[in-house]
Amino acid sequence: GSTTTDSTAKGVVVPTAPFLKPCKAEEEPLSGDSYVPPEPLQLQDGDALEAKWDRLRGTRKRDQLRRSMALQTFFLKAGWKTVRANMTDDDMRTAMTAAWVRDGLLQLGPTMIKLGQVFSSRKDLLHPAYCEALESLQTAVPCVSASRVRELLEAELGSPLPFDSFDDTPLAGASLGQVHRAVYKGTPVAVKIQRAGLTEMFDTDFKNIRLGCRAMNLMERGYERIRRMQGKSKAAADRDWMAYANDAARLLYEEIDYVNEGKNAEQFAESLVGTGSNVVVPKVFNDATTEKVLTMEYIESVKMTDTPKVDALGLDRKKLSQEVLDTFLLQLMQTGVLHCDPHPGNMCVTPSGRIVLYDFGMMDTLPQTTVQGMRKIAFGLLNGSPTPDAKEIATRGDSVMEGLEMSGFLQPGANATAVRMVGEFLVRFFSDQAAGRATQDVTEQIDYELRSLLGSGAIAFPSAFTFVARAFTSVDGIAKSLQPEIELRQALDPFVSQLITDEYTSQANAKRDALLAQAKGFFAQGGEGGGEGLPRDAALVAAGVLAGVAIAQILGL
């Protein structure tokens, strides 16, 4: 995804937070009162960084071996530093180590930067300090020079370039490319140019990543076996690191195919038709698009996290915050077509107040069962009376757990009693929270049941939700920047309530159509065989039913 920078031709990087300043590779993070923050991160210009990456990529076996050695050396050092930091239980040391890891990923190039961005939202897998450090990679990649950009453009589109004019100063820079303004056939456009040699780098990197994931799987399973032998419960839910790597590889290879990104943008725009969404998707100009160059409509917009600019436009921040969350929920629980990278640079707002989405390189289509499962979870948790009785709690609890199973969080065949108790607890918890009542402690109510589900491997985190989690983290951050006091539980209500209304309306319409068909069937029978097929009373009843249905349709009942 693209992130806005105040960049010159060579690129200037927005500095990261002082809390996450890097330490040099040879230095050990200090702790306690002796801690002195290192100097702020000083990056080289874009061309110098690209030159460094060039030395670590290539198609020859020697090139691949050199890069593999660099990757494995880094990850061995990172693993050792991370383990040592965790053993000290020193938050400052952990933060320093996380910053060192981030800097190492930056030096290794686009693949590692992108994966760092992806895993920055996985707080279920990583310590918060690492998530925070990896988030800074959104603004840590400088742009390359104008001469290098034109070289890449001419290789793809030919010389002279097909643009009426082209601005050499980049609008934005990112891990996989950078964006420039231009005019194409009289229309203002934004042109995204991909960095060189990404496919070759990805090929080598994912061989090494998969090797590391196999090792992680073996180590975690071995650790769990040891815990079982010691009579201890599972330390964590089952997770398949290879599945995470495969999902990341699939989306990243798709992201560097800009023809595919153009199709994604068109598919996303089509998915919004008929939903009532006010989101803008830039038009793609396919005649000036290749696998490495994407030309799209230029839309004037500002970041929603830039509060002064949003206020200067006179936009309603509270309303905008709600629309940001609704846009995400629409994708998750209705269309199933998910923008996986809606960070502040990719989710902006026009001067008229319409949300505009950019960068559809990382887009995923969720299985329909997953979408239906998410709806069932929402309906079970949020649809009902504020003081539900035992019967309602049981019904809604079943809906929640069925939804979790459909979405892949709960394995089929799990302990039915434990599943029922967990579902009912969740319903009570959300009902109490919504009504302002004191909520029950999970460890007091369902600790044993959760442990039994965890121990049997019934609870899992689907790999597809790596990108859902990342997208939600970004969207939640944007919404809170617009409305810091926003309560997520209350913010979900309008969208989910409308979904529930639509669901009931759809069911009522289906029943009405079935009844109408049945009534028409009665008349069809009465009209055949000279009136012998249908008794007079039945015909009168059918006429009454048909009239009733017609009146209901007129009144909108």
Protein backbone atom coordinates (compact mmCIF):
# COMPACT_ATOMS: atom_id res chain seq x y z
CA GLY A 1 0.00 0.00 0.00
CA SER A 2 1.04 3.60 -0.44
CA THR A 3 1.82 6.02 2.32
CA THR A 4 2.12 9.76 1.89
CA THR A 5 5.53 11.30 2.42
CA ASP A 6 6.92 14.82 2.05
CA SER A 7 9.37 13.55 -0.51
CA THR A 8 11.92 15.04 -2.87
CA ALA A 9 13.11 13.15 -5.94
CA LYS A 10 15.37 11.10 -3.73
CA GLY A 11 12.88 10.64 -0.92
CA VAL A 12 12.60 11.93 2.62
CA VAL A 13 11.26 9.64 5.31
CA VAL A 14 8.84 10.65 8.05
CA PRO A 15 10.73 9.96 11.32
CA THR A 16 9.47 7.20 13.57
CA ALA A 17 8.48 7.54 17.20
CA PRO A 18 11.41 8.10 19.62
CA PHE A 19 10.14 5.16 21.68
CA LEU A 20 11.12 2.87 18.80
CA LYS A 21 14.48 4.30 17.78
CA PRO A 22 16.81 1.57 16.53
CA CYS A 23 20.00 0.33 18.12
CA LYS A 24 23.07 -0.61 16.14
CA ALA A 25 23.51 -4.28 15.38
CA GLU A 26 26.58 -4.62 17.58
CA GLU A 27 25.00 -2.89 20.56
CA GLU A 28 22.96 -4.64 23.23
CA PRO A 29 19.88 -2.77 24.47
CA LEU A 30 20.35 -1.44 27.96
CA SER A 31 17.74 -1.44 30.67
CA GLY A 32 16.84 0.44 33.82
CA ASP A 33 18.18 3.89 34.68
CA SER A 34 21.26 3.43 32.44
CA TYR A 35 19.09 3.32 29.29
CA VAL A 36 19.96 6.03 26.76
CA PRO A 37 17.86 6.11 23.57
CA PRO A 38 19.96 5.75 20.41
CA GLU A 39 19.96 8.32 17.64
CA PRO A 40 16.82 8.55 15.49
CA LEU A 41 16.65 6.31 12.44
CA GLN A 42 18.65 7.77 9.55
CA LEU A 43 17.81 6.15 6.23
CA GLN A 44 19.74 6.39 3.00
CA ASP A 45 18.10 7.97 -0.05
CA GLY A 46 15.90 5.79 -2.25
CA ASP A 47 18.47 5.01 -4.94
CA ALA A 48 21.10 4.00 -2.37
CA LEU A 49 18.63 1.67 -0.66
CA GLU A 50 17.63 0.16 -4.01
CA ALA A 51 21.30 -0.39 -4.83
CA LYS A 52 21.73 -2.27 -1.55
CA TRP A 53 18.71 -4.44 -2.39
CA ASP A 54 20.11 -5.06 -5.91
CA ARG A 55 23.14 -6.73 -4.35
CA LEU A 56 20.81 -9.17 -2.57
CA ARG A 57 18.66 -10.31 -5.48
CA GLY A 58 19.02 -12.11 -8.78
CA THR A 59 18.10 -15.30 -10.63
CA ARG A 60 21.48 -17.03 -10.52
CA LYS A 61 22.04 -19.68 -7.87
CA ARG A 62 24.92 -17.64 -6.45
CA ASP A 63 22.63 -14.63 -6.04
CA GLN A 64 19.92 -16.74 -4.42
CA LEU A 65 22.46 -18.32 -2.06
CA ARG A 66 23.80 -14.91 -1.04
CA ARG A 67 20.30 -13.63 -0.26
CA SER A 68 19.35 -16.85 1.56
CA MET A 69 22.43 -16.49 3.75
CA ALA A 70 21.54 -12.86 4.52
CA LEU A 71 17.97 -13.85 5.44
CA GLN A 72 18.95 -16.81 7.59
CA THR A 73 21.70 -14.87 9.36
CA PHE A 74 19.25 -12.08 10.16
CA PHE A 75 16.53 -14.41 11.45
CA LEU A 76 18.97 -16.38 13.61
CA LYS A 77 20.21 -13.14 15.18
CA ALA A 78 16.65 -11.82 15.52
CA GLY A 79 15.52 -15.06 17.16
CA TRP A 80 18.40 -14.98 19.64
CA LYS A 81 17.88 -11.30 20.50
CA THR A 82 14.13 -11.82 20.89
CA VAL A 83 14.54 -14.80 23.20
CA ARG A 84 17.05 -12.92 25.35
CA ALA A 85 14.77 -9.88 25.54
CA ASN A 86 11.80 -12.05 26.53
CA MET A 87 13.85 -13.76 29.26
CA THR A 88 14.67 -10.43 30.90
CA ASP A 89 11.00 -9.36 31.11
CA ASP A 90 12.22 -5.80 30.49
CA ASP A 91 9.77 -3.79 28.38
CA MET A 92 12.37 -1.25 27.30
CA ARG A 93 14.75 -3.95 26.15
CA THR A 94 11.92 -5.66 24.25
CA ALA A 95 11.06 -2.37 22.52
CA MET A 96 14.70 -1.85 21.54
CA THR A 97 14.95 -5.39 20.17
CA ALA A 98 11.72 -4.88 18.22
CA ALA A 99 13.21 -1.73 16.66
CA TRP A 100 16.36 -3.67 15.69
CA VAL A 101 14.19 -6.32 14.01
CA ARG A 102 12.29 -3.61 12.12
CA ASP A 103 15.52 -2.03 10.85
CA GLY A 104 16.81 -5.41 9.72
CA LEU A 105 13.63 -6.06 7.74
CA LEU A 106 14.02 -2.67 6.05
CA GLN A 107 17.58 -3.47 4.96
CA LEU A 108 16.45 -6.84 3.53
CA GLY A 109 14.04 -5.22 1.09
CA PRO A 110 10.42 -5.15 -0.09
CA THR A 111 9.34 -8.71 0.81
CA MET A 112 10.43 -8.43 4.40
CA ILE A 113 9.04 -4.89 4.70
CA LYS A 114 5.66 -6.04 3.39
CA LEU A 115 5.55 -9.06 5.70
CA GLY A 116 6.49 -6.81 8.60
CA GLN A 117 3.52 -4.59 7.72
CA VAL A 118 1.23 -7.64 7.47
CA PHE A 119 2.23 -9.04 10.85
CA SER A 120 2.12 -5.63 12.55
CA SER A 121 -1.56 -6.32 13.39
CA ARG A 122 -1.06 -9.84 14.75
CA LYS A 123 -1.09 -9.11 18.45
CA ASP A 124 -2.28 -12.68 19.00
CA LEU A 125 1.11 -13.85 17.68
CA LEU A 126 3.55 -11.08 18.58
CA HIS A 127 4.40 -8.95 21.60
CA PRO A 128 2.77 -5.47 21.32
CA ALA A 129 6.21 -3.83 21.10
CA TYR A 130 6.95 -5.74 17.89
CA CYS A 131 3.55 -4.84 16.43
CA GLU A 132 4.19 -1.16 17.16
CA ALA A 133 7.68 -1.26 15.69
CA LEU A 134 6.52 -3.04 12.54
CA GLU A 135 3.72 -0.50 12.05
CA SER A 136 6.38 2.17 11.50
CA LEU A 137 7.42 0.35 8.30
CA GLN A 138 4.38 2.03 6.70
CA THR A 139 6.43 5.24 6.47
CA ALA A 140 9.99 3.92 6.39
CA VAL A 141 10.57 3.44 2.63
CA PRO A 142 11.93 6.37 0.61
CA CYS A 143 11.17 6.98 -3.08
CA VAL A 144 13.67 6.45 -5.90
CA SER A 145 14.88 9.23 -8.18
CA ALA A 146 13.02 10.56 -11.23
CA SER A 147 15.60 9.12 -13.64
CA ARG A 148 15.11 5.60 -12.28
CA VAL A 149 11.31 6.00 -12.42
CA ARG A 150 11.40 7.07 -16.09
CA GLU A 151 13.69 4.13 -16.88
CA LEU A 152 11.16 1.73 -15.36
CA LEU A 153 8.22 3.46 -17.10
CA GLU A 154 9.81 3.42 -20.57
CA ALA A 155 10.64 -0.29 -20.19
CA GLU A 156 6.91 -0.96 -19.65
CA LEU A 157 5.08 1.66 -21.74
CA GLY A 158 7.68 2.54 -24.37
CA SER A 159 9.24 5.86 -25.34
CA PRO A 160 7.88 8.46 -25.55
CA LEU A 161 5.56 7.91 -22.61
CA PRO A 162 1.81 7.96 -23.45
CA PHE A 163 1.08 10.75 -20.93
CA ASP A 164 0.33 14.37 -21.84
CA SER A 165 2.46 15.33 -18.84
CA PHE A 166 4.21 13.49 -15.98
CA ASP A 167 5.22 14.92 -12.59
CA ASP A 168 8.68 13.69 -11.54
CA THR A 169 7.99 14.46 -7.88
CA PRO A 170 6.33 11.43 -6.27
CA LEU A 171 3.00 11.72 -4.48
CA ALA A 172 3.72 8.72 -2.24
CA GLY A 173 6.19 5.91 -1.65
CA ALA A 174 5.70 2.36 -0.40
CA SER A 175 7.45 -0.98 -0.03
CA LEU A 176 6.60 -2.23 -3.53
CA GLY A 177 6.44 0.97 -5.57
CA GLN A 178 5.68 4.68 -5.69
CA VAL A 179 2.98 6.95 -7.13
CA HIS A 180 3.25 10.01 -9.41
CA ARG A 181 0.70 12.44 -10.86
CA ALA A 182 0.24 12.67 -14.63
CA VAL A 183 -2.28 13.62 -17.31
CA TYR A 184 -3.50 10.89 -19.66
CA LYS A 185 -5.60 11.84 -22.70
CA GLY A 186 -6.65 15.03 -20.93
CA THR A 187 -7.60 13.28 -17.68
CA PRO A 188 -5.67 13.76 -14.40
CA VAL A 189 -4.34 10.35 -13.31
CA ALA A 190 -2.16 8.74 -10.66
CA VAL A 191 0.53 6.38 -11.97
CA LYS A 192 1.92 3.65 -9.74
CA ILE A 193 5.35 2.28 -10.73
CA GLN A 194 6.62 -1.00 -9.29
CA ARG A 195 10.12 -1.38 -7.89
CA ALA A 196 12.55 -3.48 -9.94
CA GLY A 197 13.22 -7.19 -9.44
CA LEU A 198 10.38 -8.01 -7.03
CA THR A 199 9.44 -11.40 -8.53
CA GLU A 200 13.00 -12.75 -8.26
CA MET A 201 13.26 -11.47 -4.69
CA PHE A 202 9.89 -13.01 -3.73
CA ASP A 203 10.90 -16.40 -5.17
CA THR A 204 14.01 -16.63 -3.01
CA ASP A 205 12.43 -15.07 0.07
CA PHE A 206 9.42 -17.37 0.23
CA LYS A 207 11.60 -20.46 -0.07
CA ASN A 208 13.35 -19.30 3.08
CA ILE A 209 10.16 -18.17 4.79
CA ARG A 210 8.52 -21.57 4.24
CA LEU A 211 11.62 -23.27 5.59
CA GLY A 212 11.39 -21.14 8.73
CA CYS A 213 7.66 -21.84 9.06
CA ARG A 214 8.24 -25.59 8.94
CA ALA A 215 10.75 -25.17 11.75
CA MET A 216 8.27 -23.07 13.75
CA ASN A 217 5.56 -25.72 13.35
CA LEU A 218 7.93 -28.47 14.50
CA MET A 219 9.10 -26.46 17.51
CA GLU A 220 5.59 -25.49 18.63
CA ARG A 221 4.28 -29.05 18.28
CA GLY A 222 7.29 -30.38 20.15
CA TYR A 223 6.74 -27.84 22.90
CA GLU A 224 3.07 -28.82 23.21
CA ARG A 225 4.04 -32.54 23.41
CA ILE A 226 6.40 -31.75 26.26
CA ARG A 227 3.63 -29.85 28.07
CA ARG A 228 1.26 -32.80 27.67
CA MET A 229 3.89 -35.15 29.08
CA GLN A 230 4.20 -32.80 32.05
CA GLY A 231 0.42 -32.86 32.54
CA LYS A 232 0.01 -29.22 31.52
CA SER A 233 -2.68 -27.72 29.29
CA LYS A 234 -2.04 -26.29 25.83
CA ALA A 235 -0.12 -23.03 25.80
CA ALA A 236 -1.95 -21.62 22.76
CA ALA A 237 -4.54 -22.38 20.11
CA ASP A 238 -3.38 -24.48 17.18
CA ARG A 239 -1.82 -22.43 14.40
CA ASP A 240 -0.18 -23.47 11.15
CA TRP A 241 2.67 -21.13 10.28
CA MET A 242 2.87 -22.66 6.78
CA ALA A 243 -0.74 -21.64 6.14
CA TYR A 244 0.11 -18.07 7.17
CA ALA A 245 3.11 -18.07 4.81
CA ASN A 246 1.10 -19.51 1.91
CA ASP A 247 -1.64 -16.92 2.34
CA ALA A 248 0.93 -14.13 2.49
CA ALA A 249 2.70 -15.45 -0.62
CA ARG A 250 -0.55 -15.71 -2.58
CA LEU A 251 -1.57 -12.14 -1.80
CA LEU A 252 1.90 -10.65 -2.31
CA TYR A 253 2.40 -12.29 -5.71
CA GLU A 254 -1.05 -10.99 -6.69
CA GLU A 255 -0.10 -7.54 -5.41
CA ILE A 256 2.86 -7.18 -7.80
CA ASP A 257 0.64 -7.91 -10.79
CA TYR A 258 -0.86 -4.49 -11.51
CA VAL A 259 -3.15 -5.86 -14.23
CA ASN A 260 -4.63 -8.04 -11.50
CA GLU A 261 -4.87 -5.02 -9.19
CA GLY A 262 -6.84 -3.16 -11.85
CA LYS A 263 -9.27 -6.09 -12.08
CA ASN A 264 -9.49 -6.16 -8.28
CA ALA A 265 -10.49 -2.49 -8.23
CA GLU A 266 -13.21 -3.15 -10.78
CA GLN A 267 -14.44 -6.22 -8.86
CA PHE A 268 -14.51 -4.24 -5.61
CA ALA A 269 -16.49 -1.43 -7.25
CA GLU A 270 -18.98 -3.98 -8.65
CA SER A 271 -19.38 -5.59 -5.21
CA LEU A 272 -20.64 -2.25 -3.83
CA VAL A 273 -23.41 -1.87 -6.41
CA GLY A 274 -26.81 -2.08 -4.74
CA THR A 275 -25.43 -1.88 -1.19
CA GLY A 276 -26.07 1.84 -0.75
CA SER A 277 -22.37 2.43 -0.07
CA ASN A 278 -20.99 5.91 -0.78
CA VAL A 279 -17.39 4.70 -1.25
CA VAL A 280 -15.42 5.94 -4.28
CA VAL A 281 -13.16 3.54 -6.22
CA PRO A 282 -10.82 5.20 -8.78
CA LYS A 283 -11.33 4.21 -12.42
CA VAL A 284 -8.50 2.16 -13.96
CA PHE A 285 -7.11 3.04 -17.42
CA ASN A 286 -6.27 -0.38 -18.81
CA ASP A 287 -4.62 1.01 -21.98
CA ALA A 288 -1.85 2.52 -19.83
CA THR A 289 -1.59 -0.37 -17.36
CA THR A 290 0.85 -3.31 -17.40
CA GLU A 291 1.96 -5.84 -14.80
CA LYS A 292 4.38 -3.23 -13.41
CA VAL A 293 2.62 0.08 -14.12
CA LEU A 294 -0.91 1.00 -13.00
CA THR A 295 -2.69 4.12 -14.29
CA MET A 296 -5.85 5.14 -12.43
CA GLU A 297 -8.10 8.15 -12.01
CA TYR A 298 -6.67 10.86 -9.76
CA ILE A 299 -9.10 11.77 -6.98
CA GLU A 300 -8.43 14.74 -4.72
CA SER A 301 -8.53 13.53 -1.12
CA VAL A 302 -6.91 13.86 2.30
CA LYS A 303 -5.98 11.33 4.95
CA MET A 304 -8.71 10.95 7.55
CA THR A 305 -6.01 10.82 10.22
CA ASP A 306 -5.00 14.38 9.26
CA THR A 307 -7.51 15.98 11.65
CA PRO A 308 -6.70 19.66 10.84
CA LYS A 309 -7.35 19.07 7.12
CA VAL A 310 -10.55 17.12 7.81
CA ASP A 311 -11.77 19.96 10.05
CA ALA A 312 -10.78 22.56 7.45
CA LEU A 313 -13.07 20.81 4.96
CA GLY A 314 -15.94 21.14 7.45
CA LEU A 315 -16.58 17.39 7.56
CA ASP A 316 -18.54 15.70 10.35
CA ARG A 317 -15.88 13.55 12.03
CA LYS A 318 -18.39 11.52 14.05
CA LYS A 319 -20.39 10.62 10.95
CA LEU A 320 -17.20 9.88 9.02
CA SER A 321 -15.92 7.60 11.80
CA GLN A 322 -19.15 5.59 11.66
CA GLU A 323 -18.91 5.33 7.86
CA VAL A 324 -15.33 4.01 8.12
CA LEU A 325 -16.46 1.14 10.37
CA ASP A 326 -19.57 0.51 8.29
CA THR A 327 -17.43 0.21 5.15
CA PHE A 328 -15.34 -2.52 6.78
CA LEU A 329 -18.41 -4.34 8.14
CA LEU A 330 -20.02 -4.19 4.69
CA GLN A 331 -17.06 -6.10 3.27
CA LEU A 332 -16.87 -8.60 6.12
CA MET A 333 -20.56 -9.42 6.56
CA GLN A 334 -22.21 -8.64 3.25
CA THR A 335 -20.09 -8.54 0.08
CA GLY A 336 -17.20 -10.78 1.19
CA VAL A 337 -14.85 -8.78 -1.07
CA LEU A 338 -12.23 -7.46 1.34
CA HIS A 339 -9.68 -4.66 0.91
CA CYS A 340 -6.82 -6.14 2.94
CA ASP A 341 -4.69 -3.02 3.30
CA PRO A 342 -6.90 -0.03 4.35
CA HIS A 343 -4.21 1.92 6.19
CA PRO A 344 -4.56 5.74 6.39
CA GLY A 345 -2.79 6.27 3.05
CA ASN A 346 -5.19 3.92 1.26
CA MET A 347 -8.45 5.01 2.93
CA CYS A 348 -8.99 8.75 2.48
CA VAL A 349 -11.84 11.23 2.18
CA THR A 350 -12.80 13.61 -0.64
CA PRO A 351 -13.61 17.30 0.03
CA SER A 352 -17.31 16.39 -0.32
CA GLY A 353 -17.02 13.79 2.47
CA ARG A 354 -17.00 10.55 0.46
CA ILE A 355 -14.60 7.80 1.50
CA VAL A 356 -12.18 6.85 -1.28
CA LEU A 357 -10.16 3.61 -1.33
CA TYR A 358 -6.84 3.16 -3.13
CA ASP A 359 -4.45 0.26 -3.73
CA PHE A 360 -6.34 -2.96 -4.43
CA GLY A 361 -3.23 -5.12 -4.77
CA MET A 362 -4.04 -6.93 -1.53
CA MET A 363 -7.68 -7.93 -1.91
CA ASP A 364 -9.28 -11.19 -0.84
CA THR A 365 -12.66 -12.79 -1.45
CA LEU A 366 -13.95 -14.51 1.67
CA PRO A 367 -15.86 -17.80 1.23
CA GLN A 368 -19.62 -17.32 1.47
CA THR A 369 -19.75 -19.65 4.47
CA THR A 370 -17.33 -17.35 6.29
CA VAL A 371 -19.48 -14.29 5.51
CA GLN A 372 -22.60 -16.13 6.70
CA GLY A 373 -20.72 -17.25 9.82
CA MET A 374 -19.73 -13.68 10.67
CA ARG A 375 -23.38 -12.61 10.29
CA LYS A 376 -24.51 -15.40 12.61
CA ILE A 377 -21.99 -14.32 15.23
CA ALA A 378 -23.17 -10.70 14.99
CA PHE A 379 -26.84 -11.68 15.10
CA GLY A 380 -26.29 -13.92 18.11
CA LEU A 381 -24.36 -11.32 20.09
CA LEU A 382 -26.27 -8.17 19.17
CA ASN A 383 -29.81 -9.24 18.21
CA GLY A 384 -32.14 -9.68 21.17
CA SER A 385 -33.61 -8.17 24.29
CA PRO A 386 -31.40 -6.37 26.83
CA THR A 387 -32.51 -8.84 29.52
CA PRO A 388 -32.70 -12.18 27.72
CA ASP A 389 -34.23 -15.20 29.45
CA ALA A 390 -32.58 -18.63 29.55
CA LYS A 391 -34.27 -19.79 26.34
CA GLU A 392 -33.16 -16.72 24.38
CA ILE A 393 -29.62 -16.98 25.73
CA ALA A 394 -29.43 -20.63 24.62
CA THR A 395 -30.78 -19.82 21.13
CA ARG A 396 -28.44 -16.88 20.60
CA GLY A 397 -25.50 -18.82 22.05
CA ASP A 398 -26.07 -21.60 19.52
CA SER A 399 -26.07 -18.98 16.75
CA VAL A 400 -22.74 -17.55 17.95
CA MET A 401 -21.00 -20.92 18.14
CA GLU A 402 -22.43 -22.07 14.81
CA GLY A 403 -21.09 -18.86 13.28
CA LEU A 404 -17.65 -19.49 14.81
CA GLU A 405 -17.64 -22.97 13.30
CA MET A 406 -18.72 -21.69 9.87
CA SER A 407 -15.96 -19.05 10.00
CA GLY A 408 -13.29 -21.63 10.88
CA PHE A 409 -12.58 -20.53 14.47
CA LEU A 410 -14.17 -23.66 15.95
CA GLN A 411 -13.53 -27.15 14.65
CA PRO A 412 -16.54 -29.42 13.95
CA GLY A 413 -17.15 -32.15 16.54
CA ALA A 414 -16.01 -30.04 19.51
CA ASN A 415 -17.32 -30.85 22.99
CA ALA A 416 -21.01 -29.89 22.75
CA THR A 417 -21.41 -28.99 26.44
CA ALA A 418 -18.34 -26.76 26.46
CA VAL A 419 -19.42 -25.11 23.20
CA ARG A 420 -22.91 -24.40 24.56
CA MET A 421 -21.56 -22.90 27.81
CA VAL A 422 -19.07 -20.66 25.97
CA GLY A 423 -21.78 -19.47 23.57
CA GLU A 424 -24.19 -18.65 26.40
CA PHE A 425 -21.46 -16.83 28.33
CA LEU A 426 -20.67 -14.64 25.29
CA VAL A 427 -24.34 -13.71 24.88
CA ARG A 428 -24.69 -12.82 28.57
CA PHE A 429 -21.46 -10.83 28.49
CA PHE A 430 -22.52 -8.72 25.47
CA SER A 431 -26.07 -8.25 26.83
CA ASP A 432 -24.76 -7.10 30.21
CA GLN A 433 -22.24 -4.80 28.56
CA ALA A 434 -24.90 -3.25 26.31
CA ALA A 435 -27.24 -2.69 29.27
CA GLY A 436 -24.50 -1.17 31.43
CA ARG A 437 -24.57 -4.05 33.91
CA ALA A 438 -21.49 -5.58 35.54
CA THR A 439 -20.01 -8.28 33.31
CA GLN A 440 -18.94 -11.70 34.54
CA ASP A 441 -15.32 -12.81 34.75
CA VAL A 442 -14.46 -15.28 31.99
CA THR A 443 -12.04 -17.20 34.24
CA GLU A 444 -14.72 -17.70 36.86
CA GLN A 445 -17.45 -18.79 34.45
CA ILE A 446 -15.96 -20.80 31.58
CA ASP A 447 -12.26 -21.26 32.32
CA TYR A 448 -12.53 -25.08 32.35
CA GLU A 449 -14.62 -25.17 29.16
CA LEU A 450 -12.21 -22.91 27.28
CA ARG A 451 -9.26 -24.98 28.41
CA SER A 452 -10.95 -28.20 27.28
CA LEU A 453 -11.69 -26.73 23.84
CA LEU A 454 -8.15 -25.38 23.59
CA GLY A 455 -6.64 -28.65 24.77
CA SER A 456 -8.57 -30.70 22.23
CA GLY A 457 -7.46 -28.43 19.37
CA ALA A 458 -11.04 -27.31 18.75
CA ILE A 459 -10.14 -23.60 18.78
CA ALA A 460 -8.04 -22.27 15.92
CA PHE A 461 -7.27 -18.99 14.17
CA PRO A 462 -7.97 -19.31 10.41
CA SER A 463 -5.06 -18.14 8.28
CA ALA A 464 -7.44 -16.10 6.08
CA PHE A 465 -8.16 -13.89 9.10
CA THR A 466 -4.54 -12.70 9.25
CA PHE A 467 -5.53 -10.07 6.69
CA VAL A 468 -8.99 -9.50 8.17
CA ALA A 469 -7.32 -8.74 11.52
CA ARG A 470 -4.84 -6.43 9.87
CA ALA A 471 -7.58 -4.61 7.97
CA PHE A 472 -9.67 -4.20 11.11
CA THR A 473 -6.70 -2.83 13.07
CA SER A 474 -6.17 -0.17 10.39
CA VAL A 475 -9.86 0.71 10.14
CA ASP A 476 -10.24 0.87 13.94
CA GLY A 477 -7.26 3.23 14.13
CA ILE A 478 -8.71 5.55 11.47
CA ALA A 479 -12.14 5.57 13.17
CA LYS A 480 -10.59 6.41 16.55
CA SER A 481 -8.47 9.19 15.06
CA LEU A 482 -11.72 10.81 13.87
CA GLN A 483 -13.65 10.10 17.08
CA PRO A 484 -11.33 9.18 19.99
CA GLU A 485 -14.23 8.51 22.36
CA ILE A 486 -15.92 6.02 20.01
CA GLU A 487 -17.28 2.87 21.68
CA LEU A 488 -16.81 -0.06 19.32
CA ARG A 489 -19.80 -1.95 20.73
CA GLN A 490 -22.13 0.99 20.08
CA ALA A 491 -20.56 1.73 16.70
CA LEU A 492 -21.36 -1.78 15.49
CA ASP A 493 -25.06 -1.47 16.36
CA PRO A 494 -26.34 0.65 13.41
CA PHE A 495 -24.86 -1.58 10.71
CA VAL A 496 -25.72 -4.87 12.41
CA SER A 497 -29.24 -3.62 13.22
CA GLN A 498 -29.78 -2.81 9.55
CA LEU A 499 -28.46 -6.26 8.60
CA ILE A 500 -30.91 -7.86 11.03
CA THR A 501 -33.78 -5.78 9.61
CA ASP A 502 -32.80 -6.74 6.06
CA GLU A 503 -32.58 -10.39 7.10
CA TYR A 504 -36.06 -10.35 8.64
CA THR A 505 -37.45 -8.47 5.61
CA SER A 506 -35.85 -11.01 3.27
CA GLN A 507 -37.34 -13.91 5.27
CA ALA A 508 -40.77 -12.21 5.34
CA ASN A 509 -40.62 -11.60 1.58
CA ALA A 510 -39.67 -15.23 0.97
CA LYS A 511 -42.64 -16.42 3.07
CA ARG A 512 -44.94 -13.93 1.30
CA ASP A 513 -43.75 -15.13 -2.13
CA ALA A 514 -44.30 -18.75 -1.11
CA LEU A 515 -47.81 -17.91 0.13
CA LEU A 516 -48.55 -15.99 -3.06
CA ALA A 517 -47.36 -18.93 -5.17
CA GLN A 518 -49.54 -21.24 -3.11
CA ALA A 519 -52.59 -18.99 -3.61
CA LYS A 520 -51.95 -18.82 -7.35
CA GLY A 521 -51.74 -22.60 -7.31
CA PHE A 522 -55.19 -22.75 -5.76
CA PHE A 523 -56.60 -20.59 -8.56
CA ALA A 524 -54.81 -22.64 -11.21
CA GLN A 525 -56.41 -25.79 -9.82
CA GLY A 526 -59.84 -24.09 -9.69
CA GLY A 527 -59.62 -23.08 -13.32
CA GLU A 528 -58.94 -26.58 -14.59
CA GLY A 529 -61.46 -29.33 -15.23
CA GLY A 530 -64.53 -27.04 -15.20
CA GLY A 531 -64.13 -26.20 -11.53
CA GLU A 532 -64.04 -29.82 -10.37
CA GLY A 533 -60.44 -29.69 -9.14
CA LEU A 534 -61.02 -27.17 -6.30
CA PRO A 535 -63.97 -26.92 -3.91
CA ARG A 536 -65.79 -23.56 -3.78
CA ASP A 537 -64.76 -22.88 -0.13
CA ALA A 538 -61.09 -23.47 -0.94
CA ALA A 539 -61.31 -21.06 -3.86
CA LEU A 540 -62.79 -18.38 -1.60
CA VAL A 541 -60.03 -18.93 0.96
CA ALA A 542 -57.41 -18.65 -1.78
CA ALA A 543 -58.98 -15.44 -3.03
CA GLY A 544 -58.87 -14.03 0.49
CA VAL A 545 -55.22 -15.01 0.95
CA LEU A 546 -54.25 -13.44 -2.38
CA ALA A 547 -56.07 -10.22 -1.49
CA GLY A 548 -54.40 -10.14 1.91
CA VAL A 549 -50.93 -10.58 0.36
CA ALA A 550 -51.64 -7.82 -2.16
CA ILE A 551 -52.75 -5.41 0.60
CA ALA A 552 -49.67 -6.28 2.68
CA GLN A 553 -47.41 -5.52 -0.29
CA ILE A 554 -49.13 -2.16 -0.89
CA LEU A 555 -48.78 -1.18 2.77
CA GLY A 556 -45.16 -2.44 2.89
CA LEU A 557 -45.91 -4.91 5.69
